[in-house]
C-alpha atoms as a PDB file:
ATOM      1  CA  MET A   1     -27.507  25.768  19.626  1.00  0.00           C
ATOM      2  CA  ALA A   2     -29.629  23.709  17.260  1.00  0.00           C
ATOM      3  CA  MET A   3     -28.332  23.052  13.746  1.00  0.00           C
ATOM      4  CA  PRO A   4     -30.404  24.591  10.927  1.00  0.00           C
ATOM      5  CA  GLN A   5     -30.759  21.163   9.356  1.00  0.00           C
ATOM      6  CA  ASP A   6     -30.470  17.509  10.366  1.00  0.00           C
ATOM      7  CA  ILE A   7     -26.886  16.294   9.774  1.00  0.00           C
ATOM      8  CA  SER A   8     -27.258  12.901  11.448  1.00  0.00           C
ATOM      9  CA  PRO A   9     -26.041   9.989   9.311  1.00  0.00           C
ATOM     10  CA  ILE A  10     -28.667   8.218   7.239  1.00  0.00           C
ATOM     11  CA  ASN A  11     -26.823   4.970   7.905  1.00  0.00           C
ATOM     12  CA  PRO A  12     -26.466   4.623  11.702  1.00  0.00           C
ATOM     13  CA  ALA A  13     -24.138   1.648  11.169  1.00  0.00           C
ATOM     14  CA  LEU A  14     -21.351   3.904   9.822  1.00  0.00           C
ATOM     15  CA  MET A  15     -18.155   3.270  11.740  1.00  0.00           C
ATOM     16  CA  ASP A  16     -14.562   4.421  11.684  1.00  0.00           C
ATOM     17  CA  THR A  17     -11.945   1.917  10.602  1.00  0.00           C
ATOM     18  CA  LEU A  18      -9.267   1.499  13.248  1.00  0.00           C
ATOM     19  CA  PHE A  19      -6.271  -0.681  12.430  1.00  0.00           C
ATOM     20  CA  LYS A  20      -3.731  -1.093  15.211  1.00  0.00           C
ATOM     21  CA  THR A  21      -0.584  -1.893  13.239  1.00  0.00           C
ATOM     22  CA  SER A  22       1.207  -3.219  16.328  1.00  0.00           C
ATOM     23  CA  GLU A  23      -1.399  -5.973  16.608  1.00  0.00           C
ATOM     24  CA  HIS A  24      -0.882  -7.312  13.073  1.00  0.00           C
ATOM     25  CA  ASP A  25       1.853  -9.303  11.369  1.00  0.00           C
ATOM     26  CA  TRP A  26       3.764  -8.154   8.336  1.00  0.00           C
ATOM     27  CA  ILE A  27       2.527 -10.011   5.246  1.00  0.00           C
ATOM     28  CA  PRO A  28       5.386 -11.117   2.962  1.00  0.00           C
ATOM     29  CA  LEU A  29       4.945 -10.090  -0.668  1.00  0.00           C
ATOM     30  CA  PRO A  30       5.219 -12.867  -3.261  1.00  0.00           C
ATOM     31  CA  ASP A  31       7.866 -11.195  -5.449  1.00  0.00           C
ATOM     32  CA  ASP A  32      10.470 -11.145  -2.600  1.00  0.00           C
ATOM     33  CA  PRO A  33       9.029 -12.598   0.631  1.00  0.00           C
ATOM     34  CA  LYS A  34      12.318 -12.190   2.517  1.00  0.00           C
ATOM     35  CA  ARG A  35      12.667  -8.434   1.898  1.00  0.00           C
ATOM     36  CA  SER A  36       9.220  -6.976   1.123  1.00  0.00           C
ATOM     37  CA  PHE A  37       6.224  -6.862   3.435  1.00  0.00           C
ATOM     38  CA  LEU A  38       3.008  -4.959   3.982  1.00  0.00           C
ATOM     39  CA  LYS A  39       0.157  -4.427   6.376  1.00  0.00           C
ATOM     40  CA  VAL A  40      -3.241  -3.809   4.792  1.00  0.00           C
ATOM     41  CA  LEU A  41      -4.605  -0.815   6.669  1.00  0.00           C
ATOM     42  CA  TRP A  42      -7.802  -0.385   4.665  1.00  0.00           C
ATOM     43  CA  THR A  43      -9.435  -1.386   1.382  1.00  0.00           C
ATOM     44  CA  GLY A  44     -12.482   0.287  -0.087  1.00  0.00           C
ATOM     45  CA  ALA A  45     -14.408  -2.075  -2.308  1.00  0.00           C
ATOM     46  CA  GLU A  46     -16.876   0.655  -3.291  1.00  0.00           C
ATOM     47  CA  SER A  47     -14.137   3.016  -4.502  1.00  0.00           C
ATOM     48  CA  GLY A  48     -11.144   0.769  -5.278  1.00  0.00           C
ATOM     49  CA  ARG A  49      -8.986   2.841  -2.935  1.00  0.00           C
ATOM     50  CA  TRP A  50      -6.576   1.251  -0.511  1.00  0.00           C
ATOM     51  CA  ALA A  51      -4.040   2.107   2.170  1.00  0.00           C
ATOM     52  CA  VAL A  52      -1.081  -0.011   3.210  1.00  0.00           C
ATOM     53  CA  GLN A  53       2.081   0.269   5.220  1.00  0.00           C
ATOM     54  CA  PHE A  54       5.034  -1.147   3.315  1.00  0.00           C
ATOM     55  CA  ARG A  55       8.240  -2.428   4.877  1.00  0.00           C
ATOM     56  CA  TRP A  56      11.110  -3.026   2.483  1.00  0.00           C
ATOM     57  CA  LEU A  57      14.473  -4.266   3.668  1.00  0.00           C
ATOM     58  CA  LYS A  58      17.639  -2.741   2.234  1.00  0.00           C
ATOM     59  CA  GLY A  59      18.294  -4.022  -1.269  1.00  0.00           C
ATOM     60  CA  TYR A  60      14.698  -4.810  -2.184  1.00  0.00           C
ATOM     61  CA  ILE A  61      13.860  -3.536  -5.652  1.00  0.00           C
ATOM     62  CA  ALA A  62      10.235  -3.059  -6.643  1.00  0.00           C
ATOM     63  CA  PRO A  63       9.797  -3.718 -10.363  1.00  0.00           C
ATOM     64  CA  GLN A  64       8.892  -1.018 -12.836  1.00  0.00           C
ATOM     65  CA  HIS A  65       5.229  -0.135 -12.747  1.00  0.00           C
ATOM     66  CA  LYS A  66       2.478   2.222 -13.847  1.00  0.00           C
ATOM     67  CA  HIS A  67      -0.028   3.933 -11.588  1.00  0.00           C
ATOM     68  CA  LEU A  68      -3.528   3.599 -13.042  1.00  0.00           C
ATOM     69  CA  THR A  69      -4.730   6.136 -10.483  1.00  0.00           C
ATOM     70  CA  ALA A  70      -3.207   8.714  -8.181  1.00  0.00           C
ATOM     71  CA  SER A  71      -1.259   7.757  -5.057  1.00  0.00           C
ATOM     72  CA  HIS A  72       0.231   9.344  -1.955  1.00  0.00           C
ATOM     73  CA  THR A  73       3.423   8.156  -0.255  1.00  0.00           C
ATOM     74  CA  PHE A  74       4.835   9.259   3.091  1.00  0.00           C
ATOM     75  CA  ILE A  75       8.209   7.863   4.196  1.00  0.00           C
ATOM     76  CA  LEU A  76       8.085   6.887   7.880  1.00  0.00           C
ATOM     77  CA  SER A  77      11.690   5.671   8.140  1.00  0.00           C
ATOM     78  CA  GLY A  78      14.578   4.775   5.837  1.00  0.00           C
ATOM     79  CA  LYS A  79      15.356   5.813   2.255  1.00  0.00           C
ATOM     80  CA  LEU A  80      13.952   4.892  -1.149  1.00  0.00           C
ATOM     81  CA  GLY A  81      15.653   5.428  -4.482  1.00  0.00           C
ATOM     82  CA  VAL A  82      12.906   6.656  -6.833  1.00  0.00           C
ATOM     83  CA  ARG A  83      13.597   7.697 -10.414  1.00  0.00           C
ATOM     84  CA  ASP A  84      16.531  10.139 -10.233  1.00  0.00           C
ATOM     85  CA  GLY A  85      16.155  11.005  -6.557  1.00  0.00           C
ATOM     86  CA  THR A  86      15.975   9.799  -2.995  1.00  0.00           C
ATOM     87  CA  LEU A  87      13.025   9.892  -0.619  1.00  0.00           C
ATOM     88  CA  ASP A  88      14.035  10.228   3.036  1.00  0.00           C
ATOM     89  CA  ALA A  89      12.101   9.820   6.287  1.00  0.00           C
ATOM     90  CA  GLY A  90       9.492  12.586   6.477  1.00  0.00           C
ATOM     91  CA  ASP A  91       9.261  13.034   2.690  1.00  0.00           C
ATOM     92  CA  TYR A  92       5.905  12.956   0.917  1.00  0.00           C
ATOM     93  CA  ILE A  93       5.272  12.352  -2.760  1.00  0.00           C
ATOM     94  CA  TYR A  94       2.072  12.597  -4.793  1.00  0.00           C
ATOM     95  CA  GLU A  95       2.016  10.571  -7.987  1.00  0.00           C
ATOM     96  CA  PRO A  96      -0.663  11.339 -10.558  1.00  0.00           C
ATOM     97  CA  ASN A  97      -2.664   8.867 -12.593  1.00  0.00           C
ATOM     98  CA  GLY A  98      -0.530   7.499 -15.420  1.00  0.00           C
ATOM     99  CA  MET A  99       2.834   7.865 -13.652  1.00  0.00           C
ATOM    100  CA  LEU A 100       5.468   5.454 -14.957  1.00  0.00           C
ATOM    101  CA  HIS A 101       8.268   4.219 -12.723  1.00  0.00           C
ATOM    102  CA  GLY A 102      11.477   2.432 -13.282  1.00  0.00           C
ATOM    103  CA  ALA A 103      12.485   0.173 -10.431  1.00  0.00           C
ATOM    104  CA  THR A 104      12.259   1.593  -6.890  1.00  0.00           C
ATOM    105  CA  GLU A 105      14.980   0.489  -4.455  1.00  0.00           C
ATOM    106  CA  ALA A 106      15.129   0.367  -0.668  1.00  0.00           C
ATOM    107  CA  LEU A 107      18.448   2.082   0.032  1.00  0.00           C
ATOM    108  CA  GLU A 108      17.965   1.305   3.746  1.00  0.00           C
ATOM    109  CA  ASP A 109      15.384  -0.684   5.665  1.00  0.00           C
ATOM    110  CA  THR A 110      12.344   1.478   4.929  1.00  0.00           C
ATOM    111  CA  GLU A 111       8.753   1.783   6.080  1.00  0.00           C
ATOM    112  CA  TYR A 112       6.225   3.982   4.334  1.00  0.00           C
ATOM    113  CA  LEU A 113       2.540   4.755   4.167  1.00  0.00           C
ATOM    114  CA  PHE A 114       1.031   4.292   0.703  1.00  0.00           C
ATOM    115  CA  ILE A 115      -2.502   5.421  -0.147  1.00  0.00           C
ATOM    116  CA  CYS A 116      -3.704   4.625  -3.654  1.00  0.00           C
ATOM    117  CA  ASP A 117      -6.918   5.381  -5.528  1.00  0.00           C
ATOM    118  CA  GLY A 118      -6.782   2.138  -7.552  1.00  0.00           C
ATOM    119  CA  PRO A 119      -4.485  -0.506  -9.027  1.00  0.00           C
ATOM    120  CA  VAL A 120      -0.825  -0.394  -9.902  1.00  0.00           C
ATOM    121  CA  LEU A 121       0.382  -2.463 -12.899  1.00  0.00           C
ATOM    122  CA  PHE A 122       3.820  -4.092 -12.886  1.00  0.00           C
ATOM    123  CA  TYR A 123       5.583  -4.953 -16.116  1.00  0.00           C
ATOM    124  CA  ASP A 124       8.907  -6.012 -17.609  1.00  0.00           C
ATOM    125  CA  GLU A 125      10.383  -5.997 -21.103  1.00  0.00           C
ATOM    126  CA  ASP A 126       7.971  -8.790 -22.098  1.00  0.00           C
ATOM    127  CA  GLY A 127       4.884  -6.926 -20.883  1.00  0.00           C
ATOM    128  CA  PHE A 128       2.426  -7.017 -17.963  1.00  0.00           C
ATOM    129  CA  THR A 129       3.508  -9.261 -15.050  1.00  0.00           C
ATOM    130  CA  ARG A 130       1.013  -8.543 -12.240  1.00  0.00           C
ATOM    131  CA  TYR A 131      -1.112  -5.881 -10.582  1.00  0.00           C
ATOM    132  CA  LEU A 132      -1.743  -4.707  -7.048  1.00  0.00           C
ATOM    133  CA  GLY A 133      -5.159  -3.390  -6.090  1.00  0.00           C
ATOM    134  CA  TRP A 134      -7.673  -3.715  -3.271  1.00  0.00           C
ATOM    135  CA  GLU A 135      -8.849  -7.196  -4.332  1.00  0.00           C
ATOM    136  CA  GLU A 136      -5.329  -8.595  -4.508  1.00  0.00           C
ATOM    137  CA  LEU A 137      -4.542  -7.043  -1.131  1.00  0.00           C
ATOM    138  CA  ARG A 138      -7.540  -8.779   0.440  1.00  0.00           C
ATOM    139  CA  ARG A 139      -6.465 -12.081  -1.141  1.00  0.00           C
ATOM    140  CA  LEU A 140      -2.940 -11.688   0.270  1.00  0.00           C
ATOM    141  CA  GLN A 141      -4.348 -10.843   3.691  1.00  0.00           C
ATOM    142  CA  GLU A 142      -6.772 -13.779   3.723  1.00  0.00           C
ATOM    143  CA  ALA A 143      -4.086 -16.248   2.567  1.00  0.00           C
ATOM    144  CA  HIS A 144      -1.698 -14.978   5.259  1.00  0.00           C
ATOM    145  CA  GLU A 145      -4.367 -15.276   7.952  1.00  0.00           C
ATOM    146  CA  ALA A 146      -5.207 -18.820   6.810  1.00  0.00           C
ATOM    147  CA  ARG A 147      -1.514 -19.838   6.963  1.00  0.00           C
ATOM    148  CA  THR A 148      -1.104 -18.222  10.382  1.00  0.00           C
ATOM    149  CA  THR A 149      -4.231 -19.922  11.762  1.00  0.00           C
ATOM    150  CA  LYS A 150      -3.187 -23.311  10.353  1.00  0.00           C
ATOM    151  CA  ALA A 151       0.329 -22.993  11.863  1.00  0.00           C
ATOM    152  CA  ALA A 152      -1.038 -22.137  15.331  1.00  0.00           C
END
């Protein structure tokens, strides 16, 4: 049956983004490269959105931070201590724009999917320390790939 209108894409170059996590290395994070890692699944320069898979080893503590946009978290394995509770494997949490966090701790080796609509700001008692957004993720990925290529 014919469609009542043309729904073909205007841009024929549109493509899905497929990221096979098993084919990519974990990228160590600068704040604790022995216990915190990520894989950049996708970054959207046009929107500022990004998706990563985090891997935190037991004992890693992410510093306090503020979400400048909404985020979605799904725990794949392990346990995270967040605010006054625990997130277990299979748990999902939505965090609205403006959410403030104290430190978040990996209570076990933990992997989770994190999808964010923009940057996250980290701070301490002296103020802003760093941010994580799509541009920083691309920089981390490019630096890791350059190190890996040079070592090979």
